[in-house]
Amino acid sequence: MSENELGAFLRARREAVTPTEVGLPSGPRRRTPGLRRSEVATLAGISVEYLTRLEQGRDRHPSAQVLGALADALRLTVEERIHLRRLEKERGADPCCPAAVAPTESVRPTVRAVLDSLEPTPAVLLNRLADVLACTTGYRRIAEPLGILDGERPNLARYVFTDERARAAYPEWDRLADDLVGHLKTESMLDDSHVRGFTDELTVDAGAPFADRIAAAPVLPRRSGLQRITHPGAGPLRLEYETFALPDADPQRLIVYVPADAATSAALDRLTGRRPGGLHVVNG
């Protein structure tokens, strides 16, 4: 991963904010996507030279006041503000931040009980490397025909980036790929040797589709939304999903899927052997 994640994040957010969003005129001769450095510096009350040093990684220890002012100027969400603070804190080598522990392969009994209670709803538990630690039978009925659970240690990121079946299974492959890399980059410590080793492995195995995303500015992954799947047995599926973080020394995330329309609900009922209407459609 980049040695200047803080600077890359600030620049990416600056280029994503339009002048009109912050009350500035958007002239026809603008060559810079989003805001100019001078505009952000003015909004945040800092010098252009200091913002340049931050973006270039020549200063990696801004004060809390500066971070807050930049967050306001860049219209960051609460989640993005937390991520910004995390980038500064870890780059500052805070002695209170322990070394990253090895990714766990175990599932707490209470978490397993939650999964059991969700049956037959499709749900999967992943660790920070996207290893599949556990899943419901509902998820298994979807994933097994796609090849997601092949091998002794199924890994969703490895499947998406290295298995040719993934692009056929996920019509919106690019969105899923972006989110998986976003989780790898934002849910682990910057000096996490385990994540670094995994990303080095995928850089070699998957090539540019993965390497380019890892090298790009960090983007926060979507934690809810719509996922489309082309299933060999059930046909097109439209699934709404929610991601639930399980904080621990080794963070895990639980992803739960529910049908987004009646056709998907009926298809899931057939896959799981559930009575018709057993899985309720999400209502807007």
Protein backbone atom coordinates (compact mmCIF):
# COMPACT_ATOMS: atom_id res chain seq x y z
CA MET A 1 0.00 0.00 0.00
CA SER A 2 0.99 3.62 -0.38
CA GLU A 3 3.35 5.13 2.17
CA ASN A 4 1.32 8.33 1.93
CA GLU A 5 -2.24 7.16 2.57
CA LEU A 6 -3.11 10.37 4.45
CA GLY A 7 -2.02 12.64 1.60
CA ALA A 8 -3.67 10.43 -1.01
CA PHE A 9 -6.94 10.49 0.91
CA LEU A 10 -6.91 14.28 1.26
CA ARG A 11 -6.20 14.76 -2.43
CA ALA A 12 -8.87 12.24 -3.50
CA ARG A 13 -11.50 13.98 -1.38
CA ARG A 14 -10.41 17.43 -2.63
CA GLU A 15 -10.83 16.28 -6.23
CA ALA A 16 -14.25 14.77 -5.44
CA VAL A 17 -15.81 17.98 -4.07
CA THR A 18 -17.24 20.39 -6.62
CA PRO A 19 -17.00 24.18 -6.18
CA THR A 20 -20.78 24.51 -6.07
CA GLU A 21 -20.93 22.14 -3.08
CA VAL A 22 -18.94 24.63 -1.02
CA GLY A 23 -20.51 27.79 -2.42
CA LEU A 24 -17.78 28.68 -4.92
CA PRO A 25 -18.28 29.59 -8.61
CA SER A 26 -17.44 26.87 -11.12
CA GLY A 27 -15.80 28.74 -13.96
CA PRO A 28 -15.44 27.27 -17.47
CA ARG A 29 -11.62 27.33 -17.41
CA ARG A 30 -11.09 24.98 -14.47
CA ARG A 31 -8.47 22.32 -15.25
CA THR A 32 -8.43 20.76 -11.77
CA PRO A 33 -11.08 18.15 -10.95
CA GLY A 34 -12.94 19.23 -7.85
CA LEU A 35 -11.40 21.97 -5.72
CA ARG A 36 -8.07 23.70 -6.12
CA ARG A 37 -5.59 23.50 -3.24
CA SER A 38 -5.90 27.24 -2.77
CA GLU A 39 -9.66 26.93 -2.35
CA VAL A 40 -9.41 24.15 0.24
CA ALA A 41 -6.68 26.03 2.08
CA THR A 42 -8.86 29.14 2.26
CA LEU A 43 -11.88 27.19 3.46
CA ALA A 44 -9.80 25.40 6.12
CA GLY A 45 -7.87 28.48 7.21
CA ILE A 46 -4.43 27.03 6.46
CA SER A 47 -1.72 27.95 3.96
CA VAL A 48 -1.53 26.44 0.48
CA GLU A 49 2.06 25.45 1.22
CA TYR A 50 1.01 23.44 4.28
CA LEU A 51 -1.79 21.67 2.40
CA THR A 52 0.70 20.82 -0.35
CA ARG A 53 3.08 19.30 2.21
CA LEU A 54 0.25 17.20 3.65
CA GLU A 55 -0.85 15.90 0.25
CA GLN A 56 2.73 15.12 -0.79
CA GLY A 57 3.51 13.34 2.47
CA ARG A 58 6.18 15.81 3.57
CA ASP A 59 4.17 16.55 6.73
CA ARG A 60 2.19 13.68 8.24
CA HIS A 61 1.35 15.01 11.67
CA PRO A 62 -1.34 17.71 11.37
CA SER A 63 -3.00 18.85 14.57
CA ALA A 64 -6.53 17.84 15.50
CA GLN A 65 -7.64 21.41 14.75
CA VAL A 66 -6.20 21.23 11.22
CA LEU A 67 -7.80 17.82 10.62
CA GLY A 68 -11.14 19.15 11.79
CA ALA A 69 -10.89 22.20 9.55
CA LEU A 70 -9.96 20.06 6.54
CA ALA A 71 -12.81 17.66 7.28
CA ASP A 72 -15.24 20.60 7.30
CA ALA A 73 -13.79 22.08 4.12
CA LEU A 74 -13.95 18.74 2.29
CA ARG A 75 -17.48 17.99 3.54
CA LEU A 76 -16.41 14.63 4.99
CA THR A 77 -18.99 12.25 6.41
CA VAL A 78 -18.64 10.97 9.97
CA GLU A 79 -17.17 7.70 8.66
CA GLU A 80 -14.67 9.59 6.49
CA ARG A 81 -13.67 11.78 9.46
CA ILE A 82 -12.97 8.68 11.56
CA HIS A 83 -10.89 7.25 8.72
CA LEU A 84 -8.96 10.53 8.37
CA ARG A 85 -8.12 10.51 12.07
CA ARG A 86 -7.08 6.87 11.87
CA LEU A 87 -4.69 7.59 9.00
CA GLU A 88 -3.00 10.40 10.96
CA LYS A 89 -2.85 8.42 14.21
CA GLU A 90 -1.30 5.29 12.73
CA ARG A 91 1.19 7.20 10.59
CA GLY A 92 2.25 8.95 13.78
CA ALA A 93 3.41 5.61 15.22
CA ASP A 94 1.28 5.94 18.32
CA PRO A 95 2.82 3.62 20.95
CA CYS A 96 -0.69 2.76 22.13
CA CYS A 97 -1.42 1.08 18.79
CA PRO A 98 -0.43 -2.61 19.10
CA ALA A 99 1.05 -4.69 16.33
CA ALA A 100 -1.51 -6.33 14.09
CA VAL A 101 -2.54 -9.80 15.17
CA ALA A 102 -2.76 -12.67 12.73
CA PRO A 103 -6.16 -12.98 11.01
CA THR A 104 -8.36 -15.33 12.96
CA GLU A 105 -9.96 -18.43 11.49
CA SER A 106 -12.27 -18.97 14.46
CA VAL A 107 -15.82 -17.81 15.07
CA ARG A 108 -17.10 -16.81 18.50
CA PRO A 109 -19.97 -19.02 19.75
CA THR A 110 -22.30 -16.03 20.02
CA VAL A 111 -21.57 -15.04 16.41
CA ARG A 112 -22.21 -18.59 15.24
CA ALA A 113 -25.50 -18.54 17.15
CA VAL A 114 -26.46 -15.33 15.34
CA LEU A 115 -25.73 -16.99 12.00
CA ASP A 116 -27.85 -19.98 12.97
CA SER A 117 -30.73 -17.69 13.89
CA LEU A 118 -30.58 -16.01 10.47
CA GLU A 119 -31.31 -19.21 8.53
CA PRO A 120 -32.25 -19.46 5.70
CA THR A 121 -31.30 -15.83 5.02
CA PRO A 122 -28.03 -15.61 3.04
CA ALA A 123 -25.29 -14.31 5.37
CA VAL A 124 -21.52 -14.65 5.43
CA LEU A 125 -18.83 -13.83 8.01
CA LEU A 126 -15.47 -12.50 6.73
CA ASN A 127 -12.24 -11.54 8.46
CA ARG A 128 -10.13 -8.55 7.42
CA LEU A 129 -8.51 -10.53 4.58
CA ALA A 130 -11.97 -11.52 3.27
CA ASP A 131 -11.52 -15.15 4.29
CA VAL A 132 -14.90 -16.85 4.54
CA LEU A 133 -15.09 -17.93 8.19
CA ALA A 134 -18.70 -19.09 8.31
CA CYS A 135 -21.96 -18.74 6.41
CA THR A 136 -25.59 -19.75 6.49
CA THR A 137 -26.93 -22.53 4.28
CA GLY A 138 -28.83 -19.79 2.44
CA TYR A 139 -25.53 -18.17 1.45
CA ARG A 140 -23.99 -21.56 0.66
CA ARG A 141 -26.78 -22.34 -1.82
CA ILE A 142 -25.89 -19.14 -3.67
CA ALA A 143 -22.12 -19.29 -3.35
CA GLU A 144 -21.25 -22.93 -4.02
CA PRO A 145 -22.47 -23.04 -7.65
CA LEU A 146 -20.50 -19.83 -8.33
CA GLY A 147 -17.26 -21.34 -6.98
CA ILE A 148 -16.88 -18.88 -4.11
CA LEU A 149 -16.48 -21.63 -1.51
CA ASP A 150 -14.04 -23.78 -3.49
CA GLY A 151 -10.85 -24.87 -1.74
CA GLU A 152 -9.84 -25.39 1.87
CA ARG A 153 -9.71 -21.66 2.70
CA PRO A 154 -12.30 -19.79 0.62
CA ASN A 155 -11.53 -16.11 0.24
CA LEU A 156 -13.95 -13.69 -1.40
CA ALA A 157 -11.28 -11.24 -2.59
CA ARG A 158 -9.15 -13.99 -4.11
CA TYR A 159 -12.21 -15.38 -5.87
CA VAL A 160 -13.31 -12.02 -7.27
CA PHE A 161 -9.86 -11.09 -8.59
CA THR A 162 -8.47 -14.43 -9.73
CA ASP A 163 -11.41 -16.67 -10.69
CA GLU A 164 -12.71 -16.12 -14.22
CA ARG A 165 -16.21 -17.12 -13.08
CA ALA A 166 -16.47 -14.03 -10.88
CA ARG A 167 -17.01 -11.54 -13.70
CA ALA A 168 -19.88 -13.61 -15.05
CA ALA A 169 -21.36 -14.04 -11.57
CA TYR A 170 -21.24 -10.33 -10.69
CA PRO A 171 -22.55 -8.05 -13.47
CA GLU A 172 -21.30 -5.07 -11.44
CA TRP A 173 -17.90 -6.61 -10.87
CA ASP A 174 -16.05 -3.29 -10.67
CA ARG A 175 -18.17 -2.06 -7.76
CA LEU A 176 -17.58 -5.26 -5.80
CA ALA A 177 -13.85 -5.15 -6.58
CA ASP A 178 -13.64 -1.53 -5.38
CA ASP A 179 -15.42 -2.39 -2.13
CA LEU A 180 -13.23 -5.41 -1.39
CA VAL A 181 -10.06 -3.35 -1.82
CA GLY A 182 -11.64 -0.59 0.25
CA HIS A 183 -12.14 -3.03 3.12
CA LEU A 184 -8.55 -4.28 2.84
CA LYS A 185 -7.21 -0.73 3.00
CA THR A 186 -9.46 0.75 5.68
CA GLU A 187 -10.09 -2.07 8.15
CA SER A 188 -6.49 -2.86 8.99
CA MET A 189 -3.51 -1.00 10.40
CA LEU A 190 -1.29 0.71 7.86
CA ASP A 191 1.70 -1.46 8.86
CA ASP A 192 -0.30 -4.72 8.96
CA SER A 193 2.18 -7.31 7.68
CA HIS A 194 -0.60 -9.86 7.18
CA VAL A 195 -2.60 -7.58 4.88
CA ARG A 196 0.60 -6.49 3.13
CA GLY A 197 1.54 -10.09 2.41
CA PHE A 198 -1.95 -10.86 1.12
CA THR A 199 -2.02 -7.80 -1.14
CA ASP A 200 1.44 -8.68 -2.48
CA GLU A 201 0.13 -12.15 -3.30
CA LEU A 202 -2.92 -10.82 -5.15
CA THR A 203 -0.83 -8.20 -6.95
CA VAL A 204 1.12 -11.05 -8.53
CA ASP A 205 -1.83 -13.41 -9.05
CA ALA A 206 -4.43 -10.90 -10.26
CA GLY A 207 -2.28 -8.24 -11.92
CA ALA A 208 -3.47 -4.77 -12.84
CA PRO A 209 -7.17 -5.02 -11.86
CA PHE A 210 -6.06 -5.50 -8.26
CA ALA A 211 -2.71 -3.69 -8.26
CA ASP A 212 -4.18 -0.47 -9.68
CA ARG A 213 -6.86 -0.38 -7.00
CA ILE A 214 -4.40 -0.99 -4.17
CA ALA A 215 -2.13 1.77 -5.47
CA ALA A 216 -4.98 4.28 -5.82
CA ALA A 217 -6.14 6.68 -3.14
CA PRO A 218 -8.13 4.94 -0.39
CA VAL A 219 -11.88 4.87 -0.93
CA LEU A 220 -14.27 3.88 1.83
CA PRO A 221 -16.22 0.75 0.90
CA ARG A 222 -20.00 0.68 0.66
CA ARG A 223 -21.50 -1.11 3.67
CA SER A 224 -25.01 -1.40 2.29
CA GLY A 225 -26.65 -1.34 -1.09
CA LEU A 226 -27.79 -3.55 -3.93
CA GLN A 227 -25.78 -6.48 -5.29
CA ARG A 228 -26.71 -8.20 -8.52
CA ILE A 229 -25.73 -11.83 -9.04
CA THR A 230 -26.15 -14.06 -12.07
CA HIS A 231 -26.74 -17.51 -10.62
CA PRO A 232 -26.40 -20.61 -12.84
CA GLY A 233 -29.40 -22.28 -11.22
CA ALA A 234 -31.60 -19.45 -9.99
CA GLY A 235 -30.98 -16.87 -12.71
CA PRO A 236 -30.62 -13.13 -12.03
CA LEU A 237 -30.74 -12.19 -8.35
CA ARG A 238 -31.09 -8.70 -6.87
CA LEU A 239 -30.02 -8.66 -3.24
CA GLU A 240 -30.02 -5.80 -0.77
CA TYR A 241 -27.20 -6.14 1.76
CA GLU A 242 -26.13 -4.70 5.10
CA THR A 243 -22.64 -5.03 6.59
CA PHE A 244 -22.29 -5.34 10.36
CA ALA A 245 -18.85 -4.73 11.89
CA LEU A 246 -17.79 -6.99 14.77
CA PRO A 247 -14.99 -5.03 16.47
CA ASP A 248 -12.19 -7.04 18.03
CA ALA A 249 -8.41 -7.29 17.95
CA ASP A 250 -9.04 -8.94 14.58
CA PRO A 251 -12.11 -7.23 13.08
CA GLN A 252 -14.72 -9.33 11.33
CA ARG A 253 -17.73 -8.28 9.29
CA LEU A 254 -21.07 -9.99 8.86
CA ILE A 255 -22.85 -9.40 5.54
CA VAL A 256 -26.57 -10.19 5.43
CA TYR A 257 -28.53 -10.33 2.17
CA VAL A 258 -32.28 -9.98 1.63
CA PRO A 259 -34.22 -10.14 -1.65
CA ALA A 260 -34.80 -6.81 -3.33
CA ASP A 261 -37.77 -7.93 -5.43
CA ALA A 262 -40.41 -10.65 -5.65
CA ALA A 263 -38.57 -12.58 -8.36
CA THR A 264 -35.44 -12.81 -6.22
CA SER A 265 -37.49 -13.80 -3.19
CA ALA A 266 -39.08 -16.65 -5.14
CA ALA A 267 -35.72 -17.75 -6.52
CA LEU A 268 -34.18 -17.84 -3.02
CA ASP A 269 -37.17 -19.80 -1.73
CA ARG A 270 -36.52 -22.41 -4.42
CA LEU A 271 -32.79 -22.52 -3.63
CA THR A 272 -33.32 -22.97 0.11
CA GLY A 273 -36.41 -25.16 -0.08
CA ARG A 274 -38.32 -22.53 1.85
CA ARG A 275 -42.07 -22.09 1.56
CA PRO A 276 -43.06 -19.35 -0.92
CA GLY A 277 -42.70 -15.91 0.63
CA GLY A 278 -40.41 -17.20 3.38
CA LEU A 279 -37.82 -14.52 2.63
CA HIS A 280 -39.46 -11.12 2.69
CA VAL A 281 -38.79 -8.54 0.02
CA VAL A 282 -37.30 -5.24 1.15
CA ASN A 283 -39.83 -2.43 0.87
CA GLY A 284 -38.60 1.06 0.04
